N, C-alpha and C. Protein backbone atom coordinates (compact mmCIF):
# COMPACT_ATOMS: atom_id res chain seq x y z
N UNK A 1 0.28 -1.15 0.17
CA UNK A 1 -0.26 0.13 0.35
C UNK A 1 0.72 0.65 0.03
N UNK A 2 0.82 2.49 -1.03
CA UNK A 2 1.30 3.32 -0.96
C UNK A 2 0.38 4.35 -0.57
N UNK A 3 0.63 5.48 0.12
CA UNK A 3 -0.22 6.72 0.78
C UNK A 3 0.29 7.88 0.35
N UNK A 4 -0.68 8.38 -0.55
CA UNK A 4 -0.41 9.68 -0.89
C UNK A 4 -1.51 11.22 0.10
N UNK A 5 -0.15 11.81 0.85
CA UNK A 5 -0.60 12.37 1.91
C UNK A 5 -0.86 13.56 2.25
N UNK A 6 -0.39 14.40 0.90
CA UNK A 6 -0.18 15.24 0.70
C UNK A 6 -0.08 15.93 -0.75
N UNK A 7 -1.37 16.38 -0.97
CA UNK A 7 -0.86 17.20 -2.82
C UNK A 7 -1.44 18.94 -2.47
N UNK A 8 -0.55 19.43 -2.54
CA UNK A 8 -0.52 20.75 -3.13
C UNK A 8 -0.20 21.52 -4.37
N UNK A 9 -1.10 22.03 -4.94
CA UNK A 9 -0.65 23.11 -6.31
C UNK A 9 -0.80 24.95 -5.51
N UNK A 10 0.20 25.42 -6.38
CA UNK A 10 0.33 26.53 -5.27
C UNK A 10 -0.86 27.39 -6.12
N UNK A 11 -1.49 28.73 -5.71
CA UNK A 11 -2.71 29.05 -6.65
C UNK A 11 -1.85 29.52 -8.19
N UNK A 12 -1.07 30.20 -8.41
CA UNK A 12 -1.26 30.49 -9.78
C UNK A 12 -0.77 29.38 -11.15
N UNK A 13 -0.11 28.62 -9.93
CA UNK A 13 -0.10 27.07 -11.01
C UNK A 13 -1.54 25.79 -11.36
N UNK A 14 -2.46 26.41 -11.19
CA UNK A 14 -3.75 25.30 -10.91
C UNK A 14 -4.41 25.74 -12.28
N UNK A 15 -4.80 24.58 -12.36
CA UNK A 15 -5.62 24.69 -13.71
C UNK A 15 -4.95 24.53 -15.00
N UNK A 16 -3.39 23.75 -14.62
CA UNK A 16 -3.16 23.69 -15.75
C UNK A 16 -2.19 21.79 -15.60
N UNK A 17 -3.27 20.70 -15.04
CA UNK A 17 -2.90 19.57 -15.42
C UNK A 17 -2.01 18.98 -14.35
N UNK A 18 -0.85 19.67 -13.48
CA UNK A 18 -0.10 19.24 -12.59
C UNK A 18 -0.76 18.67 -12.17
N UNK A 19 -1.51 18.57 -11.80
CA UNK A 19 -2.27 18.05 -9.80
C UNK A 19 -2.46 15.80 -11.36
N UNK A 20 -3.36 16.45 -12.35
CA UNK A 20 -3.56 15.02 -13.19
C UNK A 20 -2.68 14.11 -13.27
N UNK A 21 -1.10 15.32 -13.01
CA UNK A 21 0.08 14.93 -13.69
C UNK A 21 0.89 13.81 -13.38
N UNK A 22 0.90 14.44 -11.79
CA UNK A 22 1.59 13.97 -10.45
C UNK A 22 0.54 12.38 -9.95
N UNK A 23 -0.23 12.66 -10.37
CA UNK A 23 -1.26 11.39 -9.54
C UNK A 23 -0.73 10.07 -10.53
N UNK A 24 -1.39 10.65 -11.94
CA UNK A 24 -0.76 9.47 -13.19
C UNK A 24 1.04 9.59 -12.96
N UNK A 25 1.57 9.95 -12.76
CA UNK A 25 3.02 9.62 -12.45
C UNK A 25 3.35 8.92 -11.43
N UNK A 26 2.11 8.99 -10.03
CA UNK A 26 2.66 8.52 -8.62
C UNK A 26 1.36 7.23 -9.23
N UNK A 27 0.68 6.90 -9.92
CA UNK A 27 -0.30 6.00 -9.95
C UNK A 27 0.79 4.84 -11.09
N UNK A 28 1.21 5.12 -11.71
CA UNK A 28 2.57 4.36 -13.15
C UNK A 28 3.74 4.62 -11.66
N UNK A 29 4.82 4.78 -10.85
CA UNK A 29 5.17 4.30 -9.68
C UNK A 29 5.13 3.93 -9.09
N UNK A 30 4.16 3.11 -8.56
CA UNK A 30 3.34 2.15 -7.68
C UNK A 30 2.65 0.68 -8.00
N UNK A 31 2.81 1.21 -9.99
CA UNK A 31 2.29 -0.50 -10.62
C UNK A 31 3.48 -1.04 -11.40
N UNK A 32 4.34 -0.04 -11.42
CA UNK A 32 6.02 -0.69 -11.55
C UNK A 32 7.04 -1.17 -10.33
N UNK A 33 6.46 -0.35 -9.08
CA UNK A 33 6.48 -1.16 -7.96
C UNK A 33 6.09 -2.60 -6.77
N UNK A 34 4.91 -2.71 -8.09
CA UNK A 34 4.00 -3.99 -7.79
C UNK A 34 3.26 -3.84 -6.32
N UNK A 35 2.81 -2.12 -5.96
CA UNK A 35 1.88 -1.75 -5.20
C UNK A 35 0.31 -2.26 -6.06
N UNK A 36 0.09 -2.42 -4.90
CA UNK A 36 -1.70 -2.54 -5.40
C UNK A 36 -2.66 -1.58 -5.17
N UNK A 37 -2.21 -0.84 -4.19
CA UNK A 37 -3.07 -0.08 -3.30
C UNK A 37 -3.01 1.15 -3.35
N UNK A 38 -3.63 2.54 -3.67
CA UNK A 38 -2.80 3.62 -3.18
C UNK A 38 -3.57 4.83 -2.15
N UNK A 39 -3.95 5.10 -1.23
CA UNK A 39 -4.23 5.48 -0.38
C UNK A 39 -4.04 7.33 -0.47
N UNK A 40 -5.00 7.49 -0.04
CA UNK A 40 -4.65 9.07 0.01
C UNK A 40 -5.98 9.60 1.32
N UNK A 41 -5.12 10.96 1.62
CA UNK A 41 -5.77 11.51 3.02
C UNK A 41 -6.53 12.80 2.45
N UNK A 42 -7.99 13.18 1.89
CA UNK A 42 -8.64 14.80 1.75
C UNK A 42 -8.87 15.11 2.88
N UNK A 43 -9.27 16.26 2.87
CA UNK A 43 -10.29 16.33 4.33
C UNK A 43 -11.46 16.76 3.56
N UNK A 44 -12.34 16.17 4.31
CA UNK A 44 -13.57 16.16 4.07
C UNK A 44 -14.30 17.05 3.57
N UNK A 45 -14.32 18.90 3.56
CA UNK A 45 -14.51 19.00 3.00
C UNK A 45 -14.01 19.90 1.61
N UNK A 46 -13.37 19.56 1.33
CA UNK A 46 -12.44 19.80 0.18
C UNK A 46 -13.54 19.15 -0.72
N UNK A 47 -13.77 19.53 -1.94
CA UNK A 47 -14.59 19.40 -2.79
C UNK A 47 -14.49 18.72 -4.22
N UNK A 48 -13.00 19.75 -4.54
CA UNK A 48 -12.31 20.13 -5.21
C UNK A 48 -11.52 19.10 -5.70
N UNK A 49 -10.36 18.81 -4.45
CA UNK A 49 -9.58 17.59 -4.31
C UNK A 49 -10.53 16.19 -3.96
N UNK A 50 -11.45 15.79 -3.49
CA UNK A 50 -12.09 14.03 -3.61
C UNK A 50 -12.94 14.27 -5.25
N UNK A 51 -13.43 15.77 -5.89
CA UNK A 51 -13.28 15.78 -7.44
C UNK A 51 -12.12 14.50 -8.24
N UNK A 52 -10.88 15.20 -8.10
CA UNK A 52 -10.04 15.02 -8.50
C UNK A 52 -9.50 14.37 -8.61
N UNK A 53 -9.72 13.10 -7.54
CA UNK A 53 -9.18 11.55 -7.05
C UNK A 53 -10.43 10.68 -7.60
N UNK A 54 -11.25 11.25 -7.33
CA UNK A 54 -12.32 10.35 -8.19
C UNK A 54 -12.77 10.28 -9.76
N UNK A 55 -11.97 11.61 -9.99
CA UNK A 55 -11.66 11.57 -11.62
C UNK A 55 -10.86 10.16 -11.96
N UNK A 56 -9.80 9.85 -11.64
CA UNK A 56 -8.82 9.29 -11.15
C UNK A 56 -8.47 8.00 -11.04
N UNK A 57 -10.41 7.25 -10.38
CA UNK A 57 -11.46 6.14 -10.49
C UNK A 57 -10.53 6.14 -8.64
N UNK A 58 -10.46 6.60 -7.96
CA UNK A 58 -10.46 7.04 -6.99
C UNK A 58 -11.61 6.37 -5.70
N UNK A 59 -11.86 5.45 -4.65
CA UNK A 59 -13.33 5.84 -4.27
C UNK A 59 -13.83 5.90 -2.75
N UNK A 60 -13.99 6.35 -2.14
CA UNK A 60 -13.95 6.74 -0.37
C UNK A 60 -14.11 5.25 0.11
N UNK A 61 -13.09 4.67 1.00
CA UNK A 61 -13.60 3.84 1.30
C UNK A 61 -13.73 3.86 2.75
N UNK A 62 -13.51 4.49 3.40
CA UNK A 62 -13.39 4.77 4.85
C UNK A 62 -12.97 6.42 5.16
N UNK A 63 -14.38 7.34 6.85
CA UNK A 63 -13.89 8.64 6.89
C UNK A 63 -13.07 8.41 8.39
N UNK A 64 -12.28 9.39 8.56
CA UNK A 64 -12.15 9.62 9.42
C UNK A 64 -12.45 11.22 10.69
N UNK A 65 -12.50 10.53 11.68
CA UNK A 65 -12.67 11.53 12.61
C UNK A 65 -11.67 12.74 13.48
N UNK A 66 -11.69 13.53 13.49
CA UNK A 66 -10.58 13.88 14.54
C UNK A 66 -11.41 15.30 15.45
N UNK A 67 -10.66 14.33 16.65
CA UNK A 67 -11.67 15.74 18.03
C UNK A 67 -9.51 17.08 18.43
N UNK A 68 -9.86 18.36 18.19
CA UNK A 68 -8.66 18.93 18.27
C UNK A 68 -9.19 19.53 19.36
N UNK A 69 -7.55 19.81 20.19
CA UNK A 69 -8.02 20.65 21.07
C UNK A 69 -6.92 21.37 21.21
N UNK A 70 -6.77 22.77 21.33
CA UNK A 70 -6.57 24.29 21.59
C UNK A 70 -5.29 24.41 21.82
N UNK A 71 -4.17 24.44 20.84
CA UNK A 71 -3.34 24.46 21.59
C UNK A 71 -2.02 25.01 21.26
N UNK A 72 -0.73 25.49 21.93
CA UNK A 72 -0.17 26.14 21.50
C UNK A 72 0.53 25.86 19.75
N UNK A 73 1.02 24.89 20.00
CA UNK A 73 1.47 23.90 18.75
C UNK A 73 1.24 22.68 18.32
N UNK A 74 1.07 23.28 17.80
CA UNK A 74 0.59 21.32 16.96
C UNK A 74 1.41 20.86 16.80
N UNK A 75 1.40 19.19 16.54
CA UNK A 75 2.73 18.30 16.41
C UNK A 75 1.70 17.40 14.97
N UNK A 76 2.27 16.95 14.88
CA UNK A 76 2.39 15.77 13.85
C UNK A 76 3.12 15.17 13.17
N UNK A 77 2.78 13.57 12.93
CA UNK A 77 3.72 12.80 13.43
C UNK A 77 2.52 11.60 11.41
N UNK A 78 3.73 11.63 10.63
CA UNK A 78 3.53 10.80 9.36
C UNK A 78 4.25 9.78 9.24
N UNK A 79 3.65 8.88 9.45
CA UNK A 79 4.16 7.56 9.58
C UNK A 79 3.87 7.60 8.25
N UNK A 80 4.36 6.65 6.88
CA UNK A 80 4.55 6.17 5.43
C UNK A 80 5.32 4.51 5.84
N UNK A 81 4.40 3.00 5.76
CA UNK A 81 4.94 2.58 5.50
C UNK A 81 4.80 1.49 3.73
N UNK A 82 5.61 1.38 3.18
CA UNK A 82 5.97 0.46 1.92
C UNK A 82 6.01 -0.95 2.21
N UNK A 83 5.34 -1.95 1.67
CA UNK A 83 5.56 -3.26 1.47
C UNK A 83 5.13 -3.80 0.90
């Protein structure tokens, strides 16, 4: 399994096919490496991103709910495992 944790295109470069190209390149890389599943993290309110991934045949398989307590600093831990 591969995880696409974040994909961000700067505003001035959007709508030029960059995100589509990056997703296709990632899909090709996973195929070349015999990885048969890609998971993507997308915010539930980001309709444009959800539509983009749907266009590339991603389907919704689960939802994650988050509780955020007010902190001065936020710590993010990303663990990416390939097997």
